[in-house]
Amino acid sequence: MHRSAPRLARILACAAVPVMLAVTGCSSDSGDKTDKADKSAASGASGGGEGSSSESAAPQAKKSPAVEREKFAKLPDACKSIPAKSVAELVPETKTKGGTAGRSTDIMSRASCSWNSLDDNGVKGSQYRWLDVAFLRYESDEALAVTGAKRAEDSFAKELSKAQGVSGAKKVKTAELKGVGDRASAVTYELRKTGEDFSYVTVVARTENAVVSLTYNGTGYAGAKPPAVSDLSKDAASAAKEAVGSVTAANK
């Protein structure tokens, strides 16, 4: 009996090992499942699932519509904007038939040219004429969401206002011109300077994103009468139409 007791104890101990291993194995498997469930729950709570980033992201601001690009990319040669034949008729006996170009730091945006002459008729007096044409070009501005044409329209209003507000001008009149660009107006007035009475006509026109300002004036010396404003107006309107057309021609 005393010899069999230890043996019985050893048998019982060995028999208990598989049971403990089985219990341990079940506990380990149960722990894995619990960990996976915990991780899955944590992942769901943190918003790491599919589609969570798009739901939590702030809505993007709408982009402003693109500003229309300006039509004219350059200006014509101002001194060639009016045909030589027209210059000869408006400014006879001019010494600089090719015109005198105005200074510009950016000929793509600003250009001008002028002609002048004194037709001396001896005892019958002399006739003085001056012709000037200026161009302004505007580009579209995406930062300000404004087109070149709109900027030119604003410039047209300013240039017209300047022509209407010449200091010392008398009998100022403004008339709309048809068929000269998208919009045009002629300002006529009389102005006394250097002791003589001058007749003036200024035509301001807009064509797309460009503005054309043409001034034609004259007077008589040595007893000669100044030219009639009505006569200058016809010639100025014709020359302005040619100048506006030169902008289109330069961009073909």
C-alpha atoms as a PDB file:
ATOM      1  CA  MET A   1       0.000   0.000   0.000  1.00  0.00           C
ATOM      2  CA  HIS A   2       2.839   2.394   0.884  1.00  0.00           C
ATOM      3  CA  ARG A   3       4.634   1.552  -2.383  1.00  0.00           C
ATOM      4  CA  SER A   4       1.567   2.043  -4.566  1.00  0.00           C
ATOM      5  CA  ALA A   5       0.661   5.520  -3.219  1.00  0.00           C
ATOM      6  CA  PRO A   6       3.503   7.418  -4.898  1.00  0.00           C
ATOM      7  CA  ARG A   7       2.886   5.595  -8.125  1.00  0.00           C
ATOM      8  CA  LEU A   8      -0.766   6.540  -8.043  1.00  0.00           C
ATOM      9  CA  ALA A   9       0.173  10.154  -7.429  1.00  0.00           C
ATOM     10  CA  ARG A  10       2.499  10.154 -10.466  1.00  0.00           C
ATOM     11  CA  ILE A  11      -0.260   8.650 -12.657  1.00  0.00           C
ATOM     12  CA  LEU A  12      -2.736  11.293 -11.545  1.00  0.00           C
ATOM     13  CA  ALA A  13      -0.175  14.057 -12.176  1.00  0.00           C
ATOM     14  CA  CYS A  14       0.523  12.823 -15.713  1.00  0.00           C
ATOM     15  CA  ALA A  15      -3.161  12.499 -16.423  1.00  0.00           C
ATOM     16  CA  ALA A  16      -3.694  16.109 -15.363  1.00  0.00           C
ATOM     17  CA  VAL A  17      -1.128  17.512 -17.868  1.00  0.00           C
ATOM     18  CA  PRO A  18      -3.270  17.109 -21.026  1.00  0.00           C
ATOM     19  CA  VAL A  19      -6.195  18.719 -19.235  1.00  0.00           C
ATOM     20  CA  MET A  20      -4.114  21.780 -18.286  1.00  0.00           C
ATOM     21  CA  LEU A  21      -2.703  22.009 -21.773  1.00  0.00           C
ATOM     22  CA  ALA A  22      -6.189  21.829 -23.209  1.00  0.00           C
ATOM     23  CA  VAL A  23      -7.393  24.546 -20.861  1.00  0.00           C
ATOM     24  CA  THR A  24      -4.360  26.662 -21.687  1.00  0.00           C
ATOM     25  CA  GLY A  25      -4.930  26.150 -25.416  1.00  0.00           C
ATOM     26  CA  CYS A  26      -8.584  27.214 -25.139  1.00  0.00           C
ATOM     27  CA  SER A  27      -7.618  30.261 -23.130  1.00  0.00           C
ATOM     28  CA  SER A  28      -5.003  31.299 -25.711  1.00  0.00           C
ATOM     29  CA  ASP A  29      -7.462  30.923 -28.627  1.00  0.00           C
ATOM     30  CA  SER A  30     -10.127  32.840 -26.729  1.00  0.00           C
ATOM     31  CA  GLY A  31      -7.627  35.631 -26.029  1.00  0.00           C
ATOM     32  CA  ASP A  32      -6.760  35.942 -29.749  1.00  0.00           C
ATOM     33  CA  LYS A  33     -10.407  36.298 -30.655  1.00  0.00           C
ATOM     34  CA  THR A  34     -10.917  38.881 -27.922  1.00  0.00           C
ATOM     35  CA  ASP A  35      -7.857  40.862 -29.096  1.00  0.00           C
ATOM     36  CA  LYS A  36      -9.097  40.813 -32.675  1.00  0.00           C
ATOM     37  CA  ALA A  37     -12.531  41.983 -31.576  1.00  0.00           C
ATOM     38  CA  ASP A  38     -10.968  44.740 -29.466  1.00  0.00           C
ATOM     39  CA  LYS A  39      -8.757  45.857 -32.347  1.00  0.00           C
ATOM     40  CA  SER A  40     -11.707  45.842 -34.729  1.00  0.00           C
ATOM     41  CA  ALA A  41     -13.784  47.887 -32.297  1.00  0.00           C
ATOM     42  CA  ALA A  42     -10.912  50.321 -31.767  1.00  0.00           C
ATOM     43  CA  SER A  43     -10.410  50.644 -35.507  1.00  0.00           C
ATOM     44  CA  GLY A  44     -14.111  51.409 -35.992  1.00  0.00           C
ATOM     45  CA  ALA A  45     -14.091  53.915 -33.154  1.00  0.00           C
ATOM     46  CA  SER A  46     -11.063  55.737 -34.586  1.00  0.00           C
ATOM     47  CA  GLY A  47     -12.734  56.080 -37.996  1.00  0.00           C
ATOM     48  CA  GLY A  48     -10.116  54.028 -39.783  1.00  0.00           C
ATOM     49  CA  GLY A  49     -12.634  52.132 -41.880  1.00  0.00           C
ATOM     50  CA  GLU A  50     -13.132  52.613 -45.596  1.00  0.00           C
ATOM     51  CA  GLY A  51     -14.884  55.811 -46.577  1.00  0.00           C
ATOM     52  CA  SER A  52     -14.295  57.459 -43.185  1.00  0.00           C
ATOM     53  CA  SER A  53     -11.751  59.985 -44.562  1.00  0.00           C
ATOM     54  CA  SER A  54     -14.174  61.314 -47.192  1.00  0.00           C
ATOM     55  CA  GLU A  55     -16.915  61.627 -44.578  1.00  0.00           C
ATOM     56  CA  SER A  56     -14.766  63.497 -42.080  1.00  0.00           C
ATOM     57  CA  ALA A  57     -12.951  65.740 -44.629  1.00  0.00           C
ATOM     58  CA  ALA A  58     -14.114  69.374 -44.874  1.00  0.00           C
ATOM     59  CA  PRO A  59     -15.961  70.250 -48.115  1.00  0.00           C
ATOM     60  CA  GLN A  60     -13.716  71.866 -50.736  1.00  0.00           C
ATOM     61  CA  ALA A  61     -14.402  75.456 -51.822  1.00  0.00           C
ATOM     62  CA  LYS A  62     -15.798  75.861 -55.315  1.00  0.00           C
ATOM     63  CA  LYS A  63     -13.376  77.261 -57.875  1.00  0.00           C
ATOM     64  CA  SER A  64     -14.229  80.522 -59.589  1.00  0.00           C
ATOM     65  CA  PRO A  65     -15.052  80.174 -63.285  1.00  0.00           C
ATOM     66  CA  ALA A  66     -12.120  80.883 -65.592  1.00  0.00           C
ATOM     67  CA  VAL A  67     -11.861  84.461 -66.851  1.00  0.00           C
ATOM     68  CA  GLU A  68     -12.182  84.787 -70.605  1.00  0.00           C
ATOM     69  CA  ARG A  69      -8.856  85.488 -72.262  1.00  0.00           C
ATOM     70  CA  GLU A  70      -8.384  88.802 -74.050  1.00  0.00           C
ATOM     71  CA  LYS A  71      -8.891  88.773 -77.829  1.00  0.00           C
ATOM     72  CA  PHE A  72      -6.014  91.014 -78.922  1.00  0.00           C
ATOM     73  CA  ALA A  73      -2.527  89.954 -77.876  1.00  0.00           C
ATOM     74  CA  LYS A  74      -0.657  92.936 -79.326  1.00  0.00           C
ATOM     75  CA  LEU A  75      -0.983  96.425 -80.745  1.00  0.00           C
ATOM     76  CA  PRO A  76      -0.199  97.612 -84.260  1.00  0.00           C
ATOM     77  CA  ASP A  77       2.685  99.894 -85.177  1.00  0.00           C
ATOM     78  CA  ALA A  78       1.029 103.210 -84.305  1.00  0.00           C
ATOM     79  CA  CYS A  79       2.842 105.094 -87.070  1.00  0.00           C
ATOM     80  CA  LYS A  80       1.501 102.613 -89.636  1.00  0.00           C
ATOM     81  CA  SER A  81      -2.013 102.393 -88.220  1.00  0.00           C
ATOM     82  CA  ILE A  82      -3.262 105.126 -90.572  1.00  0.00           C
ATOM     83  CA  PRO A  83      -2.500 104.675 -94.284  1.00  0.00           C
ATOM     84  CA  ALA A  84      -0.025 107.091 -95.844  1.00  0.00           C
ATOM     85  CA  LYS A  85      -2.710 108.351 -98.225  1.00  0.00           C
ATOM     86  CA  SER A  86      -4.943 109.381 -95.344  1.00  0.00           C
ATOM     87  CA  VAL A  87      -2.063 111.065 -93.540  1.00  0.00           C
ATOM     88  CA  ALA A  88      -1.239 113.065 -96.677  1.00  0.00           C
ATOM     89  CA  GLU A  89      -4.841 114.281 -96.882  1.00  0.00           C
ATOM     90  CA  LEU A  90      -5.247 115.137 -93.208  1.00  0.00           C
ATOM     91  CA  VAL A  91      -1.775 116.545 -92.614  1.00  0.00           C
ATOM     92  CA  PRO A  92      -0.548 117.968 -95.954  1.00  0.00           C
ATOM     93  CA  GLU A  93       3.047 119.096 -96.273  1.00  0.00           C
ATOM     94  CA  THR A  94       4.079 117.101 -93.202  1.00  0.00           C
ATOM     95  CA  LYS A  95       7.836 116.868 -92.823  1.00  0.00           C
ATOM     96  CA  THR A  96       7.678 113.469 -91.099  1.00  0.00           C
ATOM     97  CA  LYS A  97       5.468 111.358 -93.335  1.00  0.00           C
ATOM     98  CA  GLY A  98       6.336 108.291 -91.321  1.00  0.00           C
ATOM     99  CA  GLY A  99       5.142 110.011 -88.140  1.00  0.00           C
ATOM    100  CA  THR A 100       6.834 110.520 -84.786  1.00  0.00           C
ATOM    101  CA  ALA A 101       6.395 107.588 -82.430  1.00  0.00           C
ATOM    102  CA  GLY A 102       5.651 108.302 -78.796  1.00  0.00           C
ATOM    103  CA  ARG A 103       7.841 106.827 -76.088  1.00  0.00           C
ATOM    104  CA  SER A 104       6.603 103.645 -74.464  1.00  0.00           C
ATOM    105  CA  THR A 105       8.132 101.192 -72.007  1.00  0.00           C
ATOM    106  CA  ASP A 106       5.692  98.500 -73.113  1.00  0.00           C
ATOM    107  CA  ILE A 107       4.740  98.657 -76.797  1.00  0.00           C
ATOM    108  CA  MET A 108       2.465  95.629 -76.312  1.00  0.00           C
ATOM    109  CA  SER A 109       0.198  97.679 -74.052  1.00  0.00           C
ATOM    110  CA  ARG A 110       0.741 101.306 -75.043  1.00  0.00           C
ATOM    111  CA  ALA A 111       1.722 102.988 -78.315  1.00  0.00           C
ATOM    112  CA  SER A 112       1.220 106.326 -80.077  1.00  0.00           C
ATOM    113  CA  CYS A 113       2.265 108.367 -83.091  1.00  0.00           C
ATOM    114  CA  SER A 114       1.773 111.957 -84.278  1.00  0.00           C
ATOM    115  CA  TRP A 115       2.070 114.069 -87.417  1.00  0.00           C
ATOM    116  CA  ASN A 116       1.952 117.834 -87.918  1.00  0.00           C
ATOM    117  CA  SER A 117       2.358 120.264 -90.768  1.00  0.00           C
ATOM    118  CA  LEU A 118       2.153 123.929 -91.766  1.00  0.00           C
ATOM    119  CA  ASP A 119       0.797 124.509 -95.232  1.00  0.00           C
ATOM    120  CA  ASP A 120       2.113 127.979 -96.067  1.00  0.00           C
ATOM    121  CA  ASN A 121       0.045 129.876 -98.633  1.00  0.00           C
ATOM    122  CA  GLY A 122       1.952 133.136 -98.482  1.00  0.00           C
ATOM    123  CA  VAL A 123      -0.227 136.243 -98.260  1.00  0.00           C
ATOM    124  CA  LYS A 124      -3.299 134.029 -98.176  1.00  0.00           C
ATOM    125  CA  GLY A 125      -2.224 132.721 -94.815  1.00  0.00           C
ATOM    126  CA  SER A 126      -1.211 129.281 -93.593  1.00  0.00           C
ATOM    127  CA  GLN A 127      -3.014 126.242 -92.331  1.00  0.00           C
ATOM    128  CA  TYR A 128      -1.673 124.231 -89.426  1.00  0.00           C
ATOM    129  CA  ARG A 129      -2.765 120.625 -88.774  1.00  0.00           C
ATOM    130  CA  TRP A 130      -1.989 118.139 -86.031  1.00  0.00           C
ATOM    131  CA  LEU A 131      -2.928 114.441 -85.974  1.00  0.00           C
ATOM    132  CA  ASP A 132      -2.289 112.113 -83.062  1.00  0.00           C
ATOM    133  CA  VAL A 133      -3.313 108.502 -82.470  1.00  0.00           C
ATOM    134  CA  ALA A 134      -2.822 106.499 -79.262  1.00  0.00           C
ATOM    135  CA  PHE A 135      -3.486 102.850 -78.384  1.00  0.00           C
ATOM    136  CA  LEU A 136      -4.044 101.116 -75.059  1.00  0.00           C
ATOM    137  CA  ARG A 137      -4.368  97.341 -74.665  1.00  0.00           C
ATOM    138  CA  TYR A 138      -5.637  95.494 -71.604  1.00  0.00           C
ATOM    139  CA  GLU A 139      -5.216  91.869 -70.542  1.00  0.00           C
ATOM    140  CA  SER A 140      -7.650  89.774 -68.550  1.00  0.00           C
ATOM    141  CA  ASP A 141      -6.895  89.504 -64.839  1.00  0.00           C
ATOM    142  CA  GLU A 142      -7.834  86.164 -63.269  1.00  0.00           C
ATOM    143  CA  ALA A 143      -6.902  87.347 -59.768  1.00  0.00           C
ATOM    144  CA  LEU A 144      -9.480  90.131 -60.004  1.00  0.00           C
ATOM    145  CA  ALA A 145     -11.860  88.054 -62.155  1.00  0.00           C
ATOM    146  CA  VAL A 146     -12.085  90.795 -64.784  1.00  0.00           C
ATOM    147  CA  THR A 147     -11.738  90.486 -68.551  1.00  0.00           C
ATOM    148  CA  GLY A 148      -9.548  92.604 -70.786  1.00  0.00           C
ATOM    149  CA  ALA A 149     -12.665  93.867 -72.564  1.00  0.00           C
ATOM    150  CA  LYS A 150     -14.148  95.074 -69.264  1.00  0.00           C
ATOM    151  CA  ARG A 151     -10.928  96.861 -68.370  1.00  0.00           C
ATOM    152  CA  ALA A 152     -10.913  98.477 -71.806  1.00  0.00           C
ATOM    153  CA  GLU A 153     -14.520  99.585 -71.318  1.00  0.00           C
ATOM    154  CA  ASP A 154     -13.536 101.309 -68.073  1.00  0.00           C
ATOM    155  CA  SER A 155     -10.575 102.935 -69.828  1.00  0.00           C
ATOM    156  CA  PHE A 156     -12.846 104.111 -72.652  1.00  0.00           C
ATOM    157  CA  ALA A 157     -14.990 105.992 -70.142  1.00  0.00           C
ATOM    158  CA  LYS A 158     -11.929 107.647 -68.591  1.00  0.00           C
ATOM    159  CA  GLU A 159     -10.429 108.689 -71.938  1.00  0.00           C
ATOM    160  CA  LEU A 160     -13.761 110.097 -73.074  1.00  0.00           C
ATOM    161  CA  SER A 161     -14.091 112.045 -69.847  1.00  0.00           C
ATOM    162  CA  LYS A 162     -10.608 113.507 -70.330  1.00  0.00           C
ATOM    163  CA  ALA A 163     -11.480 114.648 -73.857  1.00  0.00           C
ATOM    164  CA  GLN A 164     -14.663 116.278 -72.593  1.00  0.00           C
ATOM    165  CA  GLY A 165     -12.894 118.078 -69.772  1.00  0.00           C
ATOM    166  CA  VAL A 166     -10.038 119.897 -71.544  1.00  0.00           C
ATOM    167  CA  SER A 167      -9.256 123.079 -69.674  1.00  0.00           C
ATOM    168  CA  GLY A 168     -10.336 126.208 -71.545  1.00  0.00           C
ATOM    169  CA  ALA A 169     -12.364 124.311 -74.162  1.00  0.00           C
ATOM    170  CA  LYS A 170     -15.464 126.026 -75.545  1.00  0.00           C
ATOM    171  CA  LYS A 171     -18.531 124.735 -77.366  1.00  0.00           C
ATOM    172  CA  VAL A 172     -17.849 121.180 -76.231  1.00  0.00           C
ATOM    173  CA  LYS A 173     -20.087 118.609 -77.886  1.00  0.00           C
ATOM    174  CA  THR A 174     -20.130 114.815 -77.806  1.00  0.00           C
ATOM    175  CA  ALA A 175     -21.645 112.565 -80.451  1.00  0.00           C
ATOM    176  CA  GLU A 176     -21.759 108.790 -80.694  1.00  0.00           C
ATOM    177  CA  LEU A 177     -20.162 107.270 -83.787  1.00  0.00           C
ATOM    178  CA  LYS A 178     -21.497 104.161 -85.483  1.00  0.00           C
ATOM    179  CA  GLY A 179     -19.356 101.589 -87.233  1.00  0.00           C
ATOM    180  CA  VAL A 180     -16.136 102.428 -85.392  1.00  0.00           C
ATOM    181  CA  GLY A 181     -15.157  99.493 -83.183  1.00  0.00           C
ATOM    182  CA  ASP A 182     -17.517  98.176 -80.513  1.00  0.00           C
ATOM    183  CA  ARG A 183     -18.176 101.680 -79.237  1.00  0.00           C
ATOM    184  CA  ALA A 184     -16.990 105.153 -80.207  1.00  0.00           C
ATOM    185  CA  SER A 185     -17.701 108.796 -79.492  1.00  0.00           C
ATOM    186  CA  ALA A 186     -16.412 112.047 -80.986  1.00  0.00           C
ATOM    187  CA  VAL A 187     -15.804 115.127 -78.848  1.00  0.00           C
ATOM    188  CA  THR A 188     -15.570 118.481 -80.636  1.00  0.00           C
ATOM    189  CA  TYR A 189     -14.589 121.824 -79.173  1.00  0.00           C
ATOM    190  CA  GLU A 190     -12.773 125.087 -79.762  1.00  0.00           C
ATOM    191  CA  LEU A 191      -9.666 126.119 -77.873  1.00  0.00           C
ATOM    192  CA  ARG A 192      -7.665 129.314 -77.979  1.00  0.00           C
ATOM    193  CA  LYS A 193      -3.909 128.911 -77.501  1.00  0.00           C
ATOM    194  CA  THR A 194      -0.729 130.640 -78.715  1.00  0.00           C
ATOM    195  CA  GLY A 195      -2.969 133.562 -79.648  1.00  0.00           C
ATOM    196  CA  GLU A 196      -4.978 131.576 -82.198  1.00  0.00           C
ATOM    197  CA  ASP A 197      -8.343 129.806 -82.255  1.00  0.00           C
ATOM    198  CA  PHE A 198      -8.003 126.051 -82.754  1.00  0.00           C
ATOM    199  CA  SER A 199     -10.689 123.600 -83.819  1.00  0.00           C
ATOM    200  CA  TYR A 200     -10.448 120.183 -82.139  1.00  0.00           C
ATOM    201  CA  VAL A 201     -11.903 116.725 -82.645  1.00  0.00           C
ATOM    202  CA  THR A 202     -11.076 113.750 -80.418  1.00  0.00           C
ATOM    203  CA  VAL A 203     -12.445 110.310 -81.236  1.00  0.00           C
ATOM    204  CA  VAL A 204     -12.338 107.659 -78.514  1.00  0.00           C
ATOM    205  CA  ALA A 205     -13.133 104.093 -79.551  1.00  0.00           C
ATOM    206  CA  ARG A 206     -13.057 100.647 -77.987  1.00  0.00           C
ATOM    207  CA  THR A 207     -12.534  97.438 -79.883  1.00  0.00           C
ATOM    208  CA  GLU A 208     -12.572  94.340 -77.662  1.00  0.00           C
ATOM    209  CA  ASN A 209      -9.701  94.820 -75.153  1.00  0.00           C
ATOM    210  CA  ALA A 210      -8.123  97.835 -76.878  1.00  0.00           C
ATOM    211  CA  VAL A 211      -8.863 101.561 -76.722  1.00  0.00           C
ATOM    212  CA  VAL A 212      -7.997 103.975 -79.540  1.00  0.00           C
ATOM    213  CA  SER A 213      -7.867 107.741 -79.044  1.00  0.00           C
ATOM    214  CA  LEU A 214      -7.400 109.936 -82.099  1.00  0.00           C
ATOM    215  CA  THR A 215      -7.068 113.733 -81.953  1.00  0.00           C
ATOM    216  CA  TYR A 216      -7.172 115.964 -84.999  1.00  0.00           C
ATOM    217  CA  ASN A 217      -6.904 119.730 -84.722  1.00  0.00           C
ATOM    218  CA  GLY A 218      -5.924 122.788 -86.728  1.00  0.00           C
ATOM    219  CA  THR A 219      -5.898 126.542 -87.045  1.00  0.00           C
ATOM    220  CA  GLY A 220      -5.171 129.291 -89.521  1.00  0.00           C
ATOM    221  CA  TYR A 221      -2.217 131.678 -89.345  1.00  0.00           C
ATOM    222  CA  ALA A 222      -1.526 135.058 -90.909  1.00  0.00           C
ATOM    223  CA  GLY A 223      -5.169 135.935 -91.273  1.00  0.00           C
ATOM    224  CA  ALA A 224      -6.367 132.508 -92.457  1.00  0.00           C
ATOM    225  CA  LYS A 225      -9.505 131.162 -90.827  1.00  0.00           C
ATOM    226  CA  PRO A 226      -9.381 128.021 -88.691  1.00  0.00           C
ATOM    227  CA  PRO A 227     -10.919 124.884 -90.232  1.00  0.00           C
ATOM    228  CA  ALA A 228     -14.573 124.154 -89.542  1.00  0.00           C
ATOM    229  CA  VAL A 229     -15.151 121.632 -86.767  1.00  0.00           C
ATOM    230  CA  SER A 230     -17.607 119.767 -88.989  1.00  0.00           C
ATOM    231  CA  ASP A 231     -14.931 119.232 -91.657  1.00  0.00           C
ATOM    232  CA  LEU A 232     -12.388 117.994 -89.138  1.00  0.00           C
ATOM    233  CA  SER A 233     -14.977 115.645 -87.645  1.00  0.00           C
ATOM    234  CA  LYS A 234     -15.514 113.751 -90.889  1.00  0.00           C
ATOM    235  CA  ASP A 235     -11.790 113.275 -91.454  1.00  0.00           C
ATOM    236  CA  ALA A 236     -11.159 112.299 -87.820  1.00  0.00           C
ATOM    237  CA  ALA A 237     -13.937 109.670 -87.859  1.00  0.00           C
ATOM    238  CA  SER A 238     -12.540 108.148 -91.048  1.00  0.00           C
ATOM    239  CA  ALA A 239      -8.989 108.024 -89.666  1.00  0.00           C
ATOM    240  CA  ALA A 240     -10.203 106.560 -86.362  1.00  0.00           C
ATOM    241  CA  LYS A 241     -11.973 103.760 -88.214  1.00  0.00           C
ATOM    242  CA  GLU A 242      -8.703 102.935 -90.010  1.00  0.00           C
ATOM    243  CA  ALA A 243      -6.793 102.963 -86.726  1.00  0.00           C
ATOM    244  CA  VAL A 244      -9.308 100.607 -85.101  1.00  0.00           C
ATOM    245  CA  GLY A 245      -9.089  98.296 -88.098  1.00  0.00           C
ATOM    246  CA  SER A 246      -5.311  98.167 -87.741  1.00  0.00           C
ATOM    247  CA  VAL A 247      -5.691  96.529 -84.314  1.00  0.00           C
ATOM    248  CA  THR A 248      -7.607  93.632 -85.826  1.00  0.00           C
ATOM    249  CA  ALA A 249      -5.150  93.383 -88.723  1.00  0.00           C
ATOM    250  CA  ALA A 250      -2.166  93.252 -86.350  1.00  0.00           C
ATOM    251  CA  ASN A 251      -3.616  90.225 -84.545  1.00  0.00           C
ATOM    252  CA  LYS A 252      -4.412  88.072 -87.575  1.00  0.00           C
END
